[in-house]
Amino acid sequence: MPDIALLPTDYTALLTDIRQRVRHAQTRAVMAVNAELIRLYWEIGALIAERQKQEGWGAAVIPRLARDLHNELPEEKGFSERNINRMLAFHRAYPHLGQVPQAVAQTAAPEKGPQPVALFPPELLLSLPWGHHAELMAKVKDPATRQWYMQAAVQYGWSRNILMMQVETSAHLRQGRATSNFAARLPPPGSDMAQQTLKDPYIFDFLTLADTFQERELETGLVAHLEKFLLELGQGFAFVGRQYHLHLGGDDFYIDLLFYHLKLRCYVVIDLKRGAFKPEYAGKINFYCNVVDDRLRHASDAPTIGLILCQLPNRVLAEYALRGMDKPIGVSTFELTRALPADLQSSLPSIEAIEQALADEVGEEDA
């Protein structure tokens, strides 16, 4: 083995460069294989749709086709009756995929979040794994909403399970909805990026807390489920500390939760509050942001952002309270349980009805 001292001075940089090139080549290869698979499935769907239109093929052909493909290609997966029906649905949902796309420069997804563009460009359709397409076709019917999730899945690298969790919690309705003073306190495009980073509400349905919980219990539960908490916060958040200690002017102060955001390149101070928003909360977190900027922020970091998480919203109070703050601050709410759809709520019995049914059942047994 050669002596390390005899290696060229730029050897480490060369090694790093080669390793990165290998990784990038592997990623491109995987993406190319995925794109070919998506094209193949679209073409199969197109062939079936054409036969149905021209020759009047009925639905009974697909089960037979699935069996024959299994016999002809026993080593190949993905040709079940259910999946062939998905291929047909995929072709009908995106008929333009078969057209040769015009030469358009492929640009990276915008940093500030998924943005509206022409519906379902071929580059986007070919970037998603088939499992993602299958779930989105089944569960997201609105075209614009489906495209939002497609873009987000590509931009943030969501797995299928995470994508479905985001769909179930209506992430498209929560992203960028926090009340904030970012437009007045941060220069563009940083203000837009920061706004899109925050949600309202945040859903912490992985916690099991009593109705009378204390703020410290909420904080403990979020840290105990840090992975799920980070997933709900969104991509880019790195945990720095809980009850982060600050000593100032002879007094001790403790930040509930301190994070660093890797994309925004700034610290994020989170203050947890049980109940409704109160104007004095803004002054407290503004103070924390000032201290973090003075004690922790590096010269290359962006200004520290404060995020107040409350149980109950009051946008009017929040907007007035934030006007006088010199630090960028957002106010969002959090929910400990996921709200049931209205149609499901109406179909469930009330507590009173359950109690009456139990009482009637006991009365019948006594009789």
Protein backbone atom coordinates (compact mmCIF):
# COMPACT_ATOMS: atom_id res chain seq x y z
CA MET A 1 0.00 0.00 0.00
CA PRO A 2 1.54 3.36 -1.01
CA ASP A 3 2.60 5.75 1.72
CA ILE A 4 -0.04 8.44 2.22
CA ALA A 5 2.73 11.03 2.39
CA LEU A 6 3.72 10.16 -1.21
CA LEU A 7 0.23 10.78 -2.62
CA PRO A 8 -0.41 13.97 -4.61
CA THR A 9 -1.82 16.87 -2.62
CA ASP A 10 -5.07 16.83 -4.59
CA TYR A 11 -5.59 13.06 -4.28
CA THR A 12 -8.48 13.35 -1.78
CA ALA A 13 -10.30 15.77 -4.05
CA LEU A 14 -9.83 13.37 -6.98
CA LEU A 15 -11.20 10.47 -4.95
CA THR A 16 -14.23 12.52 -3.90
CA ASP A 17 -14.86 13.64 -7.47
CA ILE A 18 -14.77 10.09 -8.83
CA ARG A 19 -17.04 8.80 -6.08
CA GLN A 20 -19.60 11.53 -6.79
CA ARG A 21 -19.47 10.81 -10.52
CA VAL A 22 -20.13 7.11 -9.88
CA ARG A 23 -23.10 7.93 -7.64
CA HIS A 24 -24.52 10.37 -10.19
CA ALA A 25 -24.14 7.82 -12.98
CA GLN A 26 -25.94 5.20 -10.88
CA THR A 27 -28.77 7.64 -10.21
CA ARG A 28 -29.10 8.51 -13.89
CA ALA A 29 -29.18 4.81 -14.76
CA VAL A 30 -32.00 4.14 -12.28
CA MET A 31 -33.97 7.13 -13.61
CA ALA A 32 -33.48 5.97 -17.20
CA VAL A 33 -34.75 2.47 -16.37
CA ASN A 34 -37.76 3.96 -14.58
CA ALA A 35 -38.57 6.21 -17.55
CA GLU A 36 -38.46 3.24 -19.95
CA LEU A 37 -40.76 1.24 -17.67
CA ILE A 38 -43.27 4.10 -17.53
CA ARG A 39 -43.16 4.41 -21.32
CA LEU A 40 -43.67 0.64 -21.72
CA TYR A 41 -46.70 0.64 -19.42
CA TRP A 42 -48.17 3.62 -21.29
CA GLU A 43 -47.64 1.86 -24.64
CA ILE A 44 -49.34 -1.31 -23.39
CA GLY A 45 -52.27 0.78 -22.20
CA ALA A 46 -52.38 2.51 -25.61
CA LEU A 47 -52.40 -0.83 -27.48
CA ILE A 48 -55.31 -2.13 -25.42
CA ALA A 49 -57.25 1.14 -25.74
CA GLU A 50 -56.78 1.08 -29.53
CA ARG A 51 -58.06 -2.52 -29.78
CA GLN A 52 -61.05 -1.67 -27.60
CA LYS A 53 -61.91 1.28 -29.81
CA GLN A 54 -61.33 -0.32 -33.21
CA GLU A 55 -62.33 -3.93 -32.60
CA GLY A 56 -64.74 -3.61 -29.69
CA TRP A 57 -62.72 -5.61 -27.20
CA GLY A 58 -64.55 -6.09 -23.92
CA ALA A 59 -63.23 -6.07 -20.36
CA ALA A 60 -62.98 -9.88 -20.37
CA VAL A 61 -59.88 -9.69 -22.60
CA ILE A 62 -57.70 -8.22 -19.84
CA PRO A 63 -57.91 -11.20 -17.41
CA ARG A 64 -57.06 -13.53 -20.29
CA LEU A 65 -54.17 -11.29 -21.35
CA ALA A 66 -52.81 -11.29 -17.80
CA ARG A 67 -52.86 -15.10 -17.65
CA ASP A 68 -51.22 -15.49 -21.05
CA LEU A 69 -48.49 -12.94 -20.29
CA HIS A 70 -47.74 -14.80 -17.07
CA ASN A 71 -47.40 -18.04 -19.04
CA GLU A 72 -45.32 -16.46 -21.81
CA LEU A 73 -43.12 -14.38 -19.48
CA PRO A 74 -43.16 -16.17 -16.11
CA GLU A 75 -40.03 -14.34 -14.90
CA GLU A 76 -41.53 -10.89 -15.49
CA LYS A 77 -43.53 -9.14 -12.77
CA GLY A 78 -46.07 -6.36 -13.12
CA PHE A 79 -48.53 -7.89 -15.57
CA SER A 80 -51.36 -8.84 -13.25
CA GLU A 81 -54.93 -8.06 -14.27
CA ARG A 82 -55.01 -5.19 -11.81
CA ASN A 83 -51.81 -3.66 -13.10
CA ILE A 84 -52.83 -3.99 -16.76
CA ASN A 85 -56.02 -2.11 -15.91
CA ARG A 86 -53.79 0.55 -14.35
CA MET A 87 -51.78 0.76 -17.58
CA LEU A 88 -55.00 1.37 -19.49
CA ALA A 89 -56.04 4.04 -17.00
CA PHE A 90 -52.56 5.62 -17.20
CA HIS A 91 -52.81 5.92 -20.99
CA ARG A 92 -56.27 7.49 -20.74
CA ALA A 93 -55.17 9.91 -18.02
CA TYR A 94 -52.07 11.08 -19.93
CA PRO A 95 -52.68 10.50 -23.67
CA HIS A 96 -50.10 13.15 -24.59
CA LEU A 97 -47.21 11.07 -23.22
CA GLY A 98 -47.00 9.23 -26.54
CA GLN A 99 -46.29 12.44 -28.41
CA VAL A 100 -42.67 13.42 -28.95
CA PRO A 101 -42.06 16.30 -26.51
CA GLN A 102 -40.66 19.54 -27.87
CA ALA A 103 -37.08 20.35 -26.94
CA VAL A 104 -37.57 22.12 -23.68
CA ALA A 105 -34.75 22.67 -21.21
CA GLN A 106 -35.25 20.49 -18.15
CA THR A 107 -34.84 22.72 -15.12
CA ALA A 108 -34.72 21.83 -11.47
CA ALA A 109 -37.90 22.19 -9.42
CA PRO A 110 -38.21 25.67 -7.88
CA GLU A 111 -36.66 25.98 -4.43
CA LYS A 112 -39.76 27.59 -2.94
CA GLY A 113 -41.97 24.55 -3.53
CA PRO A 114 -44.04 22.92 -6.26
CA GLN A 115 -45.25 25.57 -8.74
CA PRO A 116 -48.09 25.50 -11.28
CA VAL A 117 -46.92 24.69 -14.82
CA ALA A 118 -48.54 23.07 -17.85
CA LEU A 119 -50.39 20.01 -16.59
CA PHE A 120 -48.44 16.78 -16.57
CA PRO A 121 -45.35 17.51 -18.70
CA PRO A 122 -43.77 14.27 -20.00
CA GLU A 123 -40.57 14.90 -18.02
CA LEU A 124 -42.57 14.89 -14.78
CA LEU A 125 -44.55 11.76 -15.67
CA LEU A 126 -41.37 9.87 -16.53
CA SER A 127 -39.66 10.91 -13.28
CA LEU A 128 -42.13 9.22 -10.93
CA PRO A 129 -42.02 5.50 -10.06
CA TRP A 130 -44.97 3.42 -11.21
CA GLY A 131 -46.17 2.80 -7.66
CA HIS A 132 -46.53 6.55 -7.12
CA HIS A 133 -48.58 6.86 -10.31
CA ALA A 134 -50.86 4.00 -9.29
CA GLU A 135 -51.61 5.57 -5.90
CA LEU A 136 -52.15 9.07 -7.28
CA MET A 137 -54.49 7.89 -10.03
CA ALA A 138 -56.56 6.05 -7.44
CA LYS A 139 -56.64 8.68 -4.69
CA VAL A 140 -56.16 12.15 -6.21
CA LYS A 141 -58.73 12.90 -8.89
CA ASP A 142 -58.28 16.65 -9.31
CA PRO A 143 -55.60 17.19 -12.03
CA ALA A 144 -53.99 20.29 -10.50
CA THR A 145 -53.82 18.70 -7.06
CA ARG A 146 -52.38 15.49 -8.49
CA GLN A 147 -49.68 17.46 -10.29
CA TRP A 148 -48.84 19.28 -7.03
CA TYR A 149 -48.12 15.94 -5.35
CA MET A 150 -46.16 14.71 -8.38
CA GLN A 151 -43.90 17.76 -8.28
CA ALA A 152 -43.48 17.55 -4.52
CA ALA A 153 -42.63 13.83 -4.65
CA VAL A 154 -39.93 14.47 -7.26
CA GLN A 155 -38.56 17.56 -5.53
CA TYR A 156 -38.43 16.08 -2.04
CA GLY A 157 -37.75 12.45 -2.94
CA TRP A 158 -40.86 11.10 -1.21
CA SER A 159 -41.26 7.35 -1.01
CA ARG A 160 -44.69 5.92 -1.84
CA ASN A 161 -45.60 5.61 1.86
CA ILE A 162 -44.60 9.19 2.60
CA LEU A 163 -46.47 10.39 -0.50
CA MET A 164 -49.65 8.69 0.69
CA MET A 165 -49.24 10.16 4.16
CA GLN A 166 -48.95 13.62 2.60
CA VAL A 167 -52.08 12.98 0.52
CA GLU A 168 -54.04 11.74 3.53
CA THR A 169 -53.13 14.86 5.52
CA SER A 170 -53.92 17.23 2.61
CA ALA A 171 -50.41 18.67 2.47
CA HIS A 172 -51.32 20.75 -0.61
CA LEU A 173 -53.84 22.71 1.47
CA ARG A 174 -51.42 23.32 4.36
CA GLN A 175 -48.13 24.21 2.68
CA GLY A 176 -47.24 27.90 2.86
CA ARG A 177 -50.39 28.84 4.83
CA ALA A 178 -48.77 30.11 8.05
CA THR A 179 -49.36 33.72 9.12
CA SER A 180 -46.00 35.51 8.92
CA ASN A 181 -44.17 38.78 8.42
CA PHE A 182 -41.62 37.20 6.04
CA ALA A 183 -42.49 39.48 3.11
CA ALA A 184 -41.58 42.54 5.24
CA ARG A 185 -38.58 41.08 7.05
CA LEU A 186 -36.81 38.91 4.44
CA PRO A 187 -35.63 39.85 0.94
CA PRO A 188 -37.02 37.90 -2.03
CA PRO A 189 -36.72 35.11 -3.00
CA GLY A 190 -35.81 34.12 0.59
CA SER A 191 -39.15 35.40 1.88
CA ASP A 192 -41.06 33.17 -0.56
CA MET A 193 -38.89 30.17 0.27
CA ALA A 194 -39.43 30.67 4.00
CA GLN A 195 -43.20 31.05 3.54
CA GLN A 196 -43.42 27.84 1.52
CA THR A 197 -41.40 26.02 4.17
CA LEU A 198 -44.09 26.49 6.85
CA LYS A 199 -47.46 24.77 7.05
CA ASP A 200 -50.75 25.50 8.77
CA PRO A 201 -51.87 23.41 10.50
CA TYR A 202 -49.20 20.93 11.51
CA ILE A 203 -50.64 17.51 12.29
CA PHE A 204 -49.14 15.63 15.23
CA ASP A 205 -51.47 12.63 15.18
CA PHE A 206 -48.59 10.37 16.21
CA LEU A 207 -48.86 11.75 19.76
CA THR A 208 -51.17 10.41 22.46
CA LEU A 209 -51.84 13.26 24.87
CA ALA A 210 -54.73 13.92 27.23
CA ASP A 211 -56.91 16.99 26.58
CA THR A 212 -55.33 18.66 29.61
CA PHE A 213 -51.74 18.18 28.41
CA GLN A 214 -49.00 20.62 29.39
CA GLU A 215 -46.64 22.31 26.94
CA ARG A 216 -43.68 20.34 28.32
CA GLU A 217 -45.55 17.06 27.60
CA LEU A 218 -46.10 18.17 24.01
CA GLU A 219 -42.41 19.04 23.66
CA THR A 220 -41.34 15.69 25.18
CA GLY A 221 -43.64 13.78 22.85
CA LEU A 222 -42.36 15.56 19.72
CA VAL A 223 -38.74 14.87 20.63
CA ALA A 224 -39.56 11.23 21.49
CA HIS A 225 -41.04 10.87 17.99
CA LEU A 226 -38.37 13.02 16.35
CA GLU A 227 -38.36 11.17 13.03
CA LYS A 228 -42.11 11.64 12.57
CA PHE A 229 -41.87 15.22 13.81
CA LEU A 230 -39.15 16.04 11.27
CA LEU A 231 -41.21 14.41 8.52
CA GLU A 232 -44.17 16.63 9.39
CA LEU A 233 -41.99 19.74 9.58
CA GLY A 234 -40.75 19.03 6.08
CA GLN A 235 -37.48 18.58 4.25
CA GLY A 236 -34.46 20.55 5.41
CA PHE A 237 -35.00 20.72 9.17
CA ALA A 238 -32.08 19.52 11.31
CA PHE A 239 -32.62 19.13 15.06
CA VAL A 240 -30.25 21.19 17.22
CA GLY A 241 -31.69 20.90 20.71
CA ARG A 242 -34.58 20.87 23.14
CA GLN A 243 -34.80 23.40 25.98
CA TYR A 244 -31.77 25.06 24.43
CA HIS A 245 -30.09 27.07 27.20
CA LEU A 246 -29.32 30.76 26.79
CA HIS A 247 -27.64 32.75 29.57
CA LEU A 248 -28.11 36.48 29.18
CA GLY A 249 -27.91 39.43 31.56
CA GLY A 250 -27.58 37.17 34.58
CA ASP A 251 -30.77 35.25 33.70
CA ASP A 252 -31.36 31.85 32.13
CA PHE A 253 -33.67 31.29 29.19
CA TYR A 254 -34.68 28.06 27.44
CA ILE A 255 -35.83 27.72 23.83
CA ASP A 256 -38.44 24.95 23.49
CA LEU A 257 -37.02 23.55 20.24
CA LEU A 258 -34.12 24.77 18.10
CA PHE A 259 -33.56 23.64 14.51
CA TYR A 260 -31.31 24.57 11.61
CA HIS A 261 -32.80 24.61 8.13
CA LEU A 262 -30.34 23.31 5.55
CA LYS A 263 -31.99 24.96 2.52
CA LEU A 264 -32.86 28.29 4.07
CA ARG A 265 -29.43 28.29 5.77
CA CYS A 266 -30.75 29.68 9.04
CA TYR A 267 -31.70 28.71 12.57
CA VAL A 268 -35.40 28.13 13.32
CA VAL A 269 -36.68 28.76 16.85
CA ILE A 270 -39.93 26.94 17.68
CA ASP A 271 -42.08 27.98 20.63
CA LEU A 272 -44.89 25.60 21.62
CA LYS A 273 -48.07 27.07 23.10
CA ARG A 274 -51.14 25.31 24.42
CA GLY A 275 -54.39 27.09 23.64
CA ALA A 276 -54.94 30.17 21.48
CA PHE A 277 -52.36 32.64 20.17
CA LYS A 278 -51.63 35.65 22.39
CA PRO A 279 -49.87 38.82 21.17
CA GLU A 280 -47.18 38.61 23.85
CA TYR A 281 -45.89 35.37 22.30
CA ALA A 282 -44.50 37.39 19.38
CA GLY A 283 -42.31 39.52 21.65
CA LYS A 284 -40.87 36.48 23.38
CA ILE A 285 -39.87 34.66 20.20
CA ASN A 286 -38.55 37.90 18.69
CA PHE A 287 -36.26 38.11 21.73
CA TYR A 288 -35.09 34.50 21.21
CA CYS A 289 -34.35 35.17 17.53
CA ASN A 290 -32.27 38.22 18.48
CA VAL A 291 -30.18 36.19 20.92
CA VAL A 292 -29.69 33.27 18.49
CA ASP A 293 -28.63 35.72 15.77
CA ASP A 294 -26.10 37.25 18.15
CA ARG A 295 -24.79 34.06 19.77
CA LEU A 296 -25.14 31.28 17.18
CA ARG A 297 -25.61 32.71 13.71
CA HIS A 298 -22.59 32.59 11.38
CA ALA A 299 -21.75 35.36 8.95
CA SER A 300 -23.01 33.29 6.00
CA ASP A 301 -26.30 32.33 7.68
CA ALA A 302 -29.62 33.98 6.89
CA PRO A 303 -31.54 35.68 9.74
CA THR A 304 -33.03 33.34 12.33
CA ILE A 305 -36.72 32.51 11.85
CA GLY A 306 -39.19 32.13 14.68
CA LEU A 307 -42.19 29.77 14.54
CA ILE A 308 -44.95 29.92 17.14
CA LEU A 309 -47.07 26.75 17.23
CA CYS A 310 -50.45 27.22 18.95
CA GLN A 311 -53.50 25.01 19.30
CA LEU A 312 -56.06 27.60 18.23
CA PRO A 313 -55.71 30.10 15.37
CA ASN A 314 -56.31 33.82 15.52
CA ARG A 315 -54.97 35.33 12.31
CA VAL A 316 -56.10 38.87 13.12
CA LEU A 317 -54.19 38.98 16.41
CA ALA A 318 -51.18 37.27 14.83
CA GLU A 319 -51.00 39.75 11.93
CA TYR A 320 -51.14 42.76 14.27
CA ALA A 321 -48.63 41.25 16.71
CA LEU A 322 -46.09 40.50 13.96
CA ARG A 323 -46.18 43.98 12.42
CA GLY A 324 -44.00 45.45 15.14
CA MET A 325 -41.46 42.62 15.25
CA ASP A 326 -38.11 43.13 13.54
CA LYS A 327 -37.37 39.40 13.14
CA PRO A 328 -39.00 37.04 10.61
CA ILE A 329 -41.70 35.15 12.53
CA GLY A 330 -44.44 32.73 11.53
CA VAL A 331 -47.50 31.62 13.45
CA SER A 332 -49.12 28.23 12.79
CA THR A 333 -51.52 25.93 14.55
CA PHE A 334 -51.16 22.25 15.34
CA GLU A 335 -53.66 19.42 15.59
CA LEU A 336 -53.25 16.27 17.66
CA THR A 337 -55.85 14.28 15.72
CA ARG A 338 -56.71 14.20 12.06
CA ALA A 339 -60.17 15.62 11.36
CA LEU A 340 -62.68 13.11 10.00
CA PRO A 341 -64.35 13.84 6.65
CA ALA A 342 -67.82 15.41 6.98
CA ASP A 343 -69.59 12.42 5.40
CA LEU A 344 -67.90 10.06 7.84
CA GLN A 345 -68.66 12.29 10.82
CA SER A 346 -72.36 12.28 9.95
CA SER A 347 -72.40 8.48 9.78
CA LEU A 348 -70.89 7.98 13.24
CA PRO A 349 -73.10 7.79 16.33
CA SER A 350 -72.80 10.52 18.95
CA ILE A 351 -71.55 9.84 22.48
CA GLU A 352 -75.12 10.28 23.74
CA ALA A 353 -76.43 7.71 21.25
CA ILE A 354 -73.77 5.18 22.28
CA GLU A 355 -74.53 5.71 25.97
CA GLN A 356 -78.28 5.32 25.35
CA ALA A 357 -77.71 2.10 23.34
CA LEU A 358 -75.59 0.67 26.15
CA ALA A 359 -78.20 1.62 28.74
CA ASP A 360 -80.96 0.00 26.68
CA GLU A 361 -78.86 -3.18 26.31
CA VAL A 362 -78.28 -3.35 30.08
CA GLY A 363 -81.99 -2.79 30.69
CA GLU A 364 -82.88 -5.68 28.40
CA GLU A 365 -80.46 -7.99 30.21
CA ASP A 366 -81.93 -7.02 33.62
CA ALA A 367 -85.43 -7.67 32.32
